[in-house]
């Protein structure tokens, strides 16, 4: 084959990229392509910034190998087909994905051209593991984890030494990197992803005991780089397993779990997996706004929501606490919380954001959908001296020790709508908002 197109989507890297590796092995010339879809550009300023930073880094990686990143704007399928026809490309290579948007893109491309679909977005292919009894996917995590742990992982793809563009291809110009809404958000790109991974592996032994420590912040913060494919989930999993960090590997399995769920239930963002759990939600604009602004009066909830705005990211335990507070204490529809997270999170995607929100709300894959969480008890357990709370709620910096976790109120602030339908006291806390 003389020419092939590699359509980058959520695999913005050159290492362990099966689509890129196979195209370079089979074709004399390769067109690495990214199409900016205007329909997706306004969903999140934070993710747009991270995406453009990652594209700039990817272009640099490809140019180091003699190639380039060809950039177009418009409908991804139409632009890909146009470029393939212009340069008589024999095949189009793309990473498999599970969202409804991605599946429609694959179907349209397959109808027009020789489409080669490759793994690379997950550790184990989302369709590879099936439960006994003929189900399409696992609906409970523990049996999926057992099956996933025994699965044979694919070999990592080789990184191309040389990439040759066909003559006459106009690479196009990358738009200027847009501003994000969160001033302290992590920057995107494969280079920074590898740098963060290398640093994280030095302290990975502390993950099992420390990943719920909110002030210590011992989580990896790799989730944005996994979401955009700046890091290969397989290479991260293998690096963690080589260090016997099975607690962290388990989190990567949770990520795969929600991908295989989304493959079968693509409307995970809008429709409950368990319709019986979709109870009569309150639609209280005041309560929702106070939650969004970090002004609920429950310090740990407010700290988490302010971290979200400041960093475009939130500690995994805080995600659980804030989501449970909105749905189980305020009784507000989980879809409104999902949309707010999706606006701000640089790691926001359909499988994990939607799957976790449904889990917390009791409409998803939780085997105990009616469990409740006491935010104050959670705060005393995972932020015992209030360091995390004072970090993000400066109004409370003058309160020492655990006393900072008592409900608070800004002078003159109306609290209408925050008469919590559920008590703050609750049953035993066990779960975690799973995010590597």
Protein backbone atom coordinates (compact mmCIF):
# COMPACT_ATOMS: atom_id res chain seq x y z
CA UNK A 1 0.00 0.00 0.00
CA UNK A 2 1.37 3.35 -0.98
CA UNK A 3 -0.53 5.80 1.31
CA UNK A 4 -2.58 5.48 4.49
CA UNK A 5 -4.40 8.00 6.69
CA UNK A 6 -4.21 7.78 10.48
CA UNK A 7 -7.15 9.62 12.04
CA UNK A 8 -6.16 10.62 15.57
CA UNK A 9 -9.06 10.93 17.98
CA UNK A 10 -8.34 10.12 21.64
CA UNK A 11 -4.90 8.61 21.05
CA UNK A 12 -2.75 11.74 20.90
CA UNK A 13 0.65 10.04 21.15
CA UNK A 14 3.28 8.26 19.10
CA UNK A 15 4.23 5.60 21.68
CA UNK A 16 2.11 2.41 21.82
CA UNK A 17 -0.26 3.73 19.17
CA UNK A 18 -1.40 0.63 17.21
CA UNK A 19 -3.14 2.66 14.50
CA UNK A 20 -0.03 4.72 13.77
CA UNK A 21 2.33 1.75 14.08
CA UNK A 22 0.44 -0.44 11.62
CA UNK A 23 -0.02 2.36 9.11
CA UNK A 24 3.72 3.04 9.14
CA UNK A 25 4.49 -0.67 8.74
CA UNK A 26 2.12 -1.22 5.80
CA UNK A 27 2.25 2.02 3.83
CA UNK A 28 5.08 3.92 2.15
CA UNK A 29 3.63 7.29 3.10
CA UNK A 30 1.35 8.15 6.04
CA UNK A 31 -0.93 11.12 6.69
CA UNK A 32 -1.41 11.67 10.46
CA UNK A 33 -4.65 13.64 10.68
CA UNK A 34 -6.66 15.41 13.35
CA UNK A 35 -9.99 17.03 12.49
CA UNK A 36 -11.31 19.75 14.80
CA UNK A 37 -15.07 19.30 14.95
CA UNK A 38 -16.80 22.66 15.60
CA UNK A 39 -19.75 20.78 17.14
CA UNK A 40 -17.52 19.68 20.04
CA UNK A 41 -15.49 22.86 20.43
CA UNK A 42 -17.79 24.62 22.88
CA UNK A 43 -18.41 21.81 25.35
CA UNK A 44 -15.57 22.66 27.74
CA UNK A 45 -13.04 25.48 27.60
CA UNK A 46 -10.76 23.49 29.90
CA UNK A 47 -10.75 20.42 27.66
CA UNK A 48 -10.32 22.53 24.54
CA UNK A 49 -7.18 24.05 26.05
CA UNK A 50 -5.80 20.65 27.05
CA UNK A 51 -6.63 19.23 23.61
CA UNK A 52 -4.85 22.02 21.74
CA UNK A 53 -1.79 21.72 23.95
CA UNK A 54 -1.76 17.99 23.27
CA UNK A 55 -2.08 18.52 19.52
CA UNK A 56 0.85 20.94 19.53
CA UNK A 57 2.96 18.38 21.37
CA UNK A 58 1.86 15.61 18.99
CA UNK A 59 2.84 17.73 16.00
CA UNK A 60 6.29 18.17 17.53
CA UNK A 61 6.63 14.42 18.12
CA UNK A 62 5.66 13.64 14.51
CA UNK A 63 7.98 16.29 13.08
CA UNK A 64 10.89 14.81 15.02
CA UNK A 65 10.25 11.63 13.00
CA UNK A 66 10.06 13.37 9.64
CA UNK A 67 6.28 13.62 9.49
CA UNK A 68 3.72 16.18 10.58
CA UNK A 69 0.25 16.47 12.03
CA UNK A 70 -2.22 17.43 9.33
CA UNK A 71 -4.96 19.58 10.83
CA UNK A 72 -8.38 20.21 9.34
CA UNK A 73 -11.60 21.75 10.68
CA UNK A 74 -15.09 20.47 9.92
CA UNK A 75 -16.93 17.17 9.90
CA UNK A 76 -14.30 14.53 10.78
CA UNK A 77 -15.64 11.93 8.37
CA UNK A 78 -16.02 14.29 5.43
CA UNK A 79 -12.57 15.82 5.95
CA UNK A 80 -10.93 12.41 6.34
CA UNK A 81 -12.54 11.04 3.19
CA UNK A 82 -11.63 14.18 1.24
CA UNK A 83 -7.98 13.91 2.24
CA UNK A 84 -7.89 10.18 1.50
CA UNK A 85 -9.27 10.74 -1.99
CA UNK A 86 -6.92 13.63 -2.74
CA UNK A 87 -3.88 11.46 -2.00
CA UNK A 88 -5.31 8.10 -3.09
CA UNK A 89 -4.95 6.57 0.35
CA UNK A 90 -5.69 2.86 0.40
CA UNK A 91 -6.77 2.66 4.06
CA UNK A 92 -7.83 4.74 7.03
CA UNK A 93 -6.59 3.72 10.48
CA UNK A 94 -8.37 4.79 13.68
CA UNK A 95 -8.47 3.80 17.35
CA UNK A 96 -11.64 2.01 18.45
CA UNK A 97 -13.85 3.95 20.85
CA UNK A 98 -17.20 3.33 22.53
CA UNK A 99 -19.22 6.57 22.65
CA UNK A 100 -22.19 6.99 20.35
CA UNK A 101 -20.33 9.77 18.53
CA UNK A 102 -17.31 7.53 17.93
CA UNK A 103 -19.37 4.54 16.82
CA UNK A 104 -21.26 6.65 14.29
CA UNK A 105 -17.94 7.99 12.99
CA UNK A 106 -16.65 4.45 12.48
CA UNK A 107 -19.79 3.35 10.64
CA UNK A 108 -19.64 6.33 8.27
CA UNK A 109 -15.95 5.84 7.56
CA UNK A 110 -16.39 2.12 6.94
CA UNK A 111 -19.09 2.89 4.40
CA UNK A 112 -16.73 5.07 2.36
CA UNK A 113 -13.27 3.56 2.66
CA UNK A 114 -11.17 0.61 3.82
CA UNK A 115 -11.28 1.25 7.57
CA UNK A 116 -8.85 -0.44 9.96
CA UNK A 117 -9.95 -0.12 13.61
CA UNK A 118 -7.30 -0.68 16.30
CA UNK A 119 -7.16 -1.03 20.10
CA UNK A 120 -5.43 1.55 22.25
CA UNK A 121 -8.01 3.51 24.25
CA UNK A 122 -8.28 0.87 27.00
CA UNK A 123 -6.07 -1.83 28.50
CA UNK A 124 -8.41 -4.66 27.44
CA UNK A 125 -10.67 -4.26 24.43
CA UNK A 126 -14.19 -3.26 25.61
CA UNK A 127 -15.81 -6.09 23.68
CA UNK A 128 -13.33 -8.80 24.63
CA UNK A 129 -14.83 -9.96 27.93
CA UNK A 130 -18.37 -11.28 28.27
CA UNK A 131 -20.13 -12.59 31.38
CA UNK A 132 -21.51 -16.09 31.56
CA UNK A 133 -25.14 -16.48 30.58
CA UNK A 134 -24.91 -14.55 27.34
CA UNK A 135 -24.88 -10.96 28.61
CA UNK A 136 -23.41 -8.26 26.39
CA UNK A 137 -21.30 -6.74 29.16
CA UNK A 138 -20.50 -7.06 32.84
CA UNK A 139 -22.83 -4.99 35.01
CA UNK A 140 -21.01 -5.67 38.28
CA UNK A 141 -17.37 -4.73 38.74
CA UNK A 142 -16.00 -7.59 40.86
CA UNK A 143 -16.63 -10.41 38.35
CA UNK A 144 -15.37 -8.14 35.58
CA UNK A 145 -12.19 -7.48 37.55
CA UNK A 146 -11.62 -11.22 37.98
CA UNK A 147 -12.02 -11.81 34.26
CA UNK A 148 -9.97 -8.72 33.36
CA UNK A 149 -7.13 -9.77 35.66
CA UNK A 150 -6.85 -13.11 33.88
CA UNK A 151 -7.05 -11.69 30.35
CA UNK A 152 -3.99 -11.66 28.10
CA UNK A 153 -2.96 -8.11 27.35
CA UNK A 154 -1.86 -7.22 23.84
CA UNK A 155 1.76 -6.44 23.03
CA UNK A 156 2.64 -2.76 23.03
CA UNK A 157 2.96 -1.33 19.53
CA UNK A 158 6.36 -0.13 18.39
CA UNK A 159 7.04 3.59 18.07
CA UNK A 160 7.80 4.54 14.45
CA UNK A 161 11.34 5.77 13.84
CA UNK A 162 10.40 7.48 10.61
CA UNK A 163 7.15 8.88 9.23
CA UNK A 164 6.95 10.04 5.60
CA UNK A 165 4.20 12.33 4.36
CA UNK A 166 3.06 12.16 0.72
CA UNK A 167 4.23 15.05 -1.42
CA UNK A 168 1.96 18.05 -1.62
CA UNK A 169 0.11 17.62 1.69
CA UNK A 170 -0.69 20.93 3.34
CA UNK A 171 -0.33 20.31 7.10
CA UNK A 172 -2.59 23.20 7.97
CA UNK A 173 -2.23 25.50 10.93
CA UNK A 174 -3.04 24.63 14.49
CA UNK A 175 -5.31 27.31 15.98
CA UNK A 176 -3.92 29.30 18.86
CA UNK A 177 -4.27 27.53 22.20
CA UNK A 178 -7.52 28.81 23.71
CA UNK A 179 -7.91 30.04 27.26
CA UNK A 180 -9.39 27.62 29.76
CA UNK A 181 -11.66 28.56 32.64
CA UNK A 182 -9.50 26.99 35.38
CA UNK A 183 -6.32 28.96 36.12
CA UNK A 184 -4.45 26.03 37.68
CA UNK A 185 -5.35 23.27 35.22
CA UNK A 186 -2.67 20.78 34.15
CA UNK A 187 -1.17 21.23 30.70
CA UNK A 188 -1.66 18.66 27.98
CA UNK A 189 0.64 16.62 25.78
CA UNK A 190 2.47 13.32 25.54
CA UNK A 191 5.74 14.85 26.75
CA UNK A 192 4.23 16.15 29.99
CA UNK A 193 2.23 12.96 30.41
CA UNK A 194 5.39 10.85 30.39
CA UNK A 195 7.08 13.28 32.74
CA UNK A 196 4.19 13.06 35.19
CA UNK A 197 4.09 9.26 34.90
CA UNK A 198 7.81 8.96 35.62
CA UNK A 199 7.48 11.13 38.71
CA UNK A 200 4.40 9.26 39.88
CA UNK A 201 6.05 5.86 39.62
CA UNK A 202 8.62 7.00 42.21
CA UNK A 203 5.87 7.27 44.82
CA UNK A 204 3.41 4.64 43.60
CA UNK A 205 4.08 2.43 46.66
CA UNK A 206 2.15 4.96 48.76
CA UNK A 207 -0.95 4.77 46.57
CA UNK A 208 -2.72 1.83 48.20
CA UNK A 209 -2.76 3.42 51.65
CA UNK A 210 -2.82 7.06 50.61
CA UNK A 211 -5.10 7.52 47.60
CA UNK A 212 -8.00 8.66 49.83
CA UNK A 213 -5.84 11.12 51.78
CA UNK A 214 -7.33 14.38 50.57
CA UNK A 215 -4.70 16.86 51.81
CA UNK A 216 -1.83 14.52 50.88
CA UNK A 217 -3.05 14.29 47.28
CA UNK A 218 -1.34 10.97 46.60
CA UNK A 219 -3.39 10.16 43.50
CA UNK A 220 -1.57 10.01 40.17
CA UNK A 221 -3.34 12.89 38.37
CA UNK A 222 -2.81 10.88 35.19
CA UNK A 223 -6.50 10.78 34.28
CA UNK A 224 -6.40 13.74 31.82
CA UNK A 225 -3.48 12.14 29.95
CA UNK A 226 -5.34 8.83 29.80
CA UNK A 227 -8.56 10.51 28.70
CA UNK A 228 -6.85 12.15 25.71
CA UNK A 229 -4.53 9.24 24.98
CA UNK A 230 -1.37 11.23 25.68
CA UNK A 231 -0.45 8.14 27.69
CA UNK A 232 -1.21 4.57 26.69
CA UNK A 233 -3.40 2.94 29.35
CA UNK A 234 -1.68 -0.36 28.60
CA UNK A 235 1.80 1.05 29.19
CA UNK A 236 0.63 2.71 32.43
CA UNK A 237 -0.94 -0.55 33.62
CA UNK A 238 2.19 -2.54 32.79
CA UNK A 239 4.41 -0.02 34.58
CA UNK A 240 2.18 -0.18 37.68
CA UNK A 241 1.96 -3.96 37.64
CA UNK A 242 5.75 -4.21 37.34
CA UNK A 243 5.90 -2.38 40.69
CA UNK A 244 3.26 -4.65 42.26
CA UNK A 245 0.90 -1.68 42.57
CA UNK A 246 -2.25 -3.75 42.14
CA UNK A 247 -4.41 -1.16 43.94
CA UNK A 248 -3.65 1.29 41.15
CA UNK A 249 -4.03 -1.35 38.43
CA UNK A 250 -7.49 -2.01 39.83
CA UNK A 251 -8.41 1.62 39.17
CA UNK A 252 -7.40 1.20 35.53
CA UNK A 253 -9.69 -1.83 35.46
CA UNK A 254 -12.55 0.38 36.69
CA UNK A 255 -11.81 2.66 33.75
CA UNK A 256 -12.08 -0.29 31.35
CA UNK A 257 -15.23 -1.46 33.13
CA UNK A 258 -17.11 1.71 32.27
CA UNK A 259 -15.89 1.58 28.69
CA UNK A 260 -17.38 -1.89 28.21
CA UNK A 261 -20.62 -0.66 29.81
CA UNK A 262 -20.76 2.36 27.48
CA UNK A 263 -20.15 0.15 24.46
CA UNK A 264 -23.49 -1.53 25.19
CA UNK A 265 -25.29 1.49 26.74
CA UNK A 266 -24.12 4.51 24.69
CA UNK A 267 -26.77 6.77 26.27
CA UNK A 268 -25.09 6.50 29.66
CA UNK A 269 -25.00 10.31 30.00
CA UNK A 270 -28.75 10.76 29.72
CA UNK A 271 -30.56 7.51 30.55
CA UNK A 272 -30.34 5.52 33.80
CA UNK A 273 -28.97 2.01 33.68
CA UNK A 274 -31.41 1.16 36.46
CA UNK A 275 -34.67 2.99 35.62
CA UNK A 276 -36.06 2.01 39.02
CA UNK A 277 -33.34 4.08 40.66
CA UNK A 278 -34.28 7.24 38.75
CA UNK A 279 -36.49 8.61 41.50
CA UNK A 280 -38.41 11.85 41.66
CA UNK A 281 -35.57 14.38 41.59
CA UNK A 282 -35.82 17.95 42.86
CA UNK A 283 -35.15 20.76 40.41
CA UNK A 284 -34.06 23.56 42.73
CA UNK A 285 -32.02 26.23 40.99
CA UNK A 286 -30.83 27.77 44.27
CA UNK A 287 -29.58 24.46 45.63
CA UNK A 288 -27.85 23.60 42.35
CA UNK A 289 -26.20 27.02 42.09
CA UNK A 290 -24.92 26.95 45.65
CA UNK A 291 -23.47 23.49 45.01
CA UNK A 292 -21.85 24.66 41.78
CA UNK A 293 -20.37 27.73 43.47
CA UNK A 294 -19.03 25.86 46.51
CA UNK A 295 -21.41 27.65 48.87
CA UNK A 296 -23.48 24.82 50.33
CA UNK A 297 -22.26 25.41 53.86
CA UNK A 298 -20.75 21.93 54.11
CA UNK A 299 -17.01 22.67 54.07
CA UNK A 300 -15.69 19.52 52.39
CA UNK A 301 -18.31 19.79 49.64
CA UNK A 302 -17.47 23.44 49.06
CA UNK A 303 -13.74 22.69 48.97
CA UNK A 304 -14.21 20.02 46.33
CA UNK A 305 -16.36 22.22 44.12
CA UNK A 306 -13.84 25.05 44.34
CA UNK A 307 -10.98 22.72 43.48
CA UNK A 308 -12.94 21.71 40.39
CA UNK A 309 -13.16 25.31 39.20
CA UNK A 310 -9.58 26.19 40.07
CA UNK A 311 -7.88 23.12 38.58
CA UNK A 312 -10.32 21.51 36.16
CA UNK A 313 -9.81 18.41 38.27
CA UNK A 314 -10.95 17.13 41.65
CA UNK A 315 -9.55 14.64 44.14
CA UNK A 316 -11.18 11.23 43.72
CA UNK A 317 -12.66 11.18 47.23
CA UNK A 318 -14.02 14.71 46.81
CA UNK A 319 -15.76 13.63 43.59
CA UNK A 320 -17.63 10.98 45.54
CA UNK A 321 -18.54 13.34 48.39
CA UNK A 322 -19.76 16.20 46.17
CA UNK A 323 -21.72 13.94 43.81
CA UNK A 324 -23.37 12.06 46.66
CA UNK A 325 -24.24 15.33 48.39
CA UNK A 326 -26.00 16.68 45.29
CA UNK A 327 -27.98 13.51 44.60
CA UNK A 328 -28.58 11.89 47.99
CA UNK A 329 -28.80 14.96 50.27
CA UNK A 330 -30.07 17.72 47.99
CA UNK A 331 -32.03 15.24 45.87
CA UNK A 332 -31.02 16.98 42.63
CA UNK A 333 -30.99 15.06 39.34
CA UNK A 334 -27.62 13.41 38.68
CA UNK A 335 -27.65 14.63 35.07
CA UNK A 336 -27.31 18.23 36.23
CA UNK A 337 -24.24 17.33 38.26
CA UNK A 338 -22.83 15.28 35.40
CA UNK A 339 -23.16 18.26 33.03
CA UNK A 340 -21.39 20.57 35.50
CA UNK A 341 -18.50 18.17 35.94
CA UNK A 342 -18.33 17.65 32.19
CA UNK A 343 -17.98 21.38 31.65
CA UNK A 344 -14.97 21.73 34.00
CA UNK A 345 -13.11 18.42 34.07
CA UNK A 346 -10.14 18.10 31.73
CA UNK A 347 -10.46 14.33 32.18
CA UNK A 348 -14.22 14.38 31.56
CA UNK A 349 -15.46 11.69 29.18
CA UNK A 350 -18.69 9.80 28.64
CA UNK A 351 -17.76 6.39 30.13
CA UNK A 352 -16.13 7.46 33.40
CA UNK A 353 -17.92 10.71 34.16
CA UNK A 354 -21.34 9.26 33.36
CA UNK A 355 -20.68 5.82 34.84
CA UNK A 356 -19.48 7.25 38.14
CA UNK A 357 -22.35 9.73 38.41
CA UNK A 358 -24.87 6.95 37.87
CA UNK A 359 -23.06 4.77 40.40
CA UNK A 360 -23.28 7.49 43.06
CA UNK A 361 -26.89 8.41 42.22
CA UNK A 362 -28.05 4.80 42.56
CA UNK A 363 -29.11 4.52 38.91
CA UNK A 364 -26.03 2.68 37.69
CA UNK A 365 -23.78 -0.29 38.43
CA UNK A 366 -23.68 -0.06 42.24
CA UNK A 367 -24.86 -3.26 43.92
CA UNK A 368 -26.06 -1.10 46.85
CA UNK A 369 -27.91 1.73 45.09
CA UNK A 370 -29.51 3.10 48.25
CA UNK A 371 -26.29 3.72 50.17
CA UNK A 372 -25.80 7.19 51.61
CA UNK A 373 -22.69 9.12 52.60
CA UNK A 374 -22.17 11.40 55.55
CA UNK A 375 -20.00 14.25 54.18
CA UNK A 376 -18.85 15.39 57.61
CA UNK A 377 -17.85 11.87 58.63
CA UNK A 378 -16.06 11.49 55.32
CA UNK A 379 -14.21 14.77 55.92
CA UNK A 380 -13.14 13.78 59.43
CA UNK A 381 -11.87 10.46 58.11
CA UNK A 382 -10.02 11.64 54.99
CA UNK A 383 -9.14 15.23 55.94
CA UNK A 384 -8.94 14.93 59.75
CA UNK A 385 -7.21 18.25 60.40
CA UNK A 386 -9.05 20.19 57.70
CA UNK A 387 -5.97 20.91 55.57
CA UNK A 388 -7.79 20.17 52.30
CA UNK A 389 -10.77 22.31 53.27
CA UNK A 390 -8.67 25.31 54.25
CA UNK A 391 -6.66 24.98 51.02
CA UNK A 392 -9.73 25.69 48.90
CA UNK A 393 -12.07 27.61 51.23
CA UNK A 394 -10.05 30.62 52.41
CA UNK A 395 -12.99 31.94 54.44
CA UNK A 396 -12.32 29.09 56.91
CA UNK A 397 -8.56 29.48 57.29
CA UNK A 398 -8.93 30.93 60.77
CA UNK A 399 -10.53 27.76 62.14
CA UNK A 400 -7.99 25.25 63.43
CA UNK A 401 -8.17 21.47 63.28
CA UNK A 402 -11.24 19.32 62.68
CA UNK A 403 -13.61 22.07 63.86
CA UNK A 404 -13.36 23.44 60.31
CA UNK A 405 -15.67 20.66 59.12
CA UNK A 406 -18.74 21.99 60.91
CA UNK A 407 -21.38 23.51 58.60
CA UNK A 408 -20.71 27.18 57.90
CA UNK A 409 -22.42 30.20 56.39
CA UNK A 410 -21.15 33.39 54.81
CA UNK A 411 -22.66 36.44 56.55
CA UNK A 412 -25.68 37.68 54.66
CA UNK A 413 -25.82 34.70 52.32
CA UNK A 414 -29.24 33.30 51.56
CA UNK A 415 -29.50 29.55 52.04
CA UNK A 416 -32.93 29.03 50.51
CA UNK A 417 -33.11 25.61 48.90
CA UNK A 418 -30.56 23.96 51.15
CA UNK A 419 -33.00 22.30 53.50
CA UNK A 420 -31.47 18.92 52.79
CA UNK A 421 -34.12 16.25 52.10
CA UNK A 422 -31.75 13.61 53.53
CA UNK A 423 -30.00 13.82 56.91
CA UNK A 424 -26.24 14.29 57.01
CA UNK A 425 -26.03 11.26 59.29
CA UNK A 426 -25.81 8.09 57.22
CA UNK A 427 -24.82 4.48 57.14
CA UNK A 428 -21.35 3.07 56.73
CA UNK A 429 -19.12 4.67 54.05
CA UNK A 430 -17.33 2.25 51.75
CA UNK A 431 -17.12 3.53 48.19
CA UNK A 432 -14.74 5.71 46.24
CA UNK A 433 -15.16 7.77 43.11
CA UNK A 434 -12.77 5.75 41.01
CA UNK A 435 -10.32 7.82 39.03
CA UNK A 436 -6.62 7.02 38.57
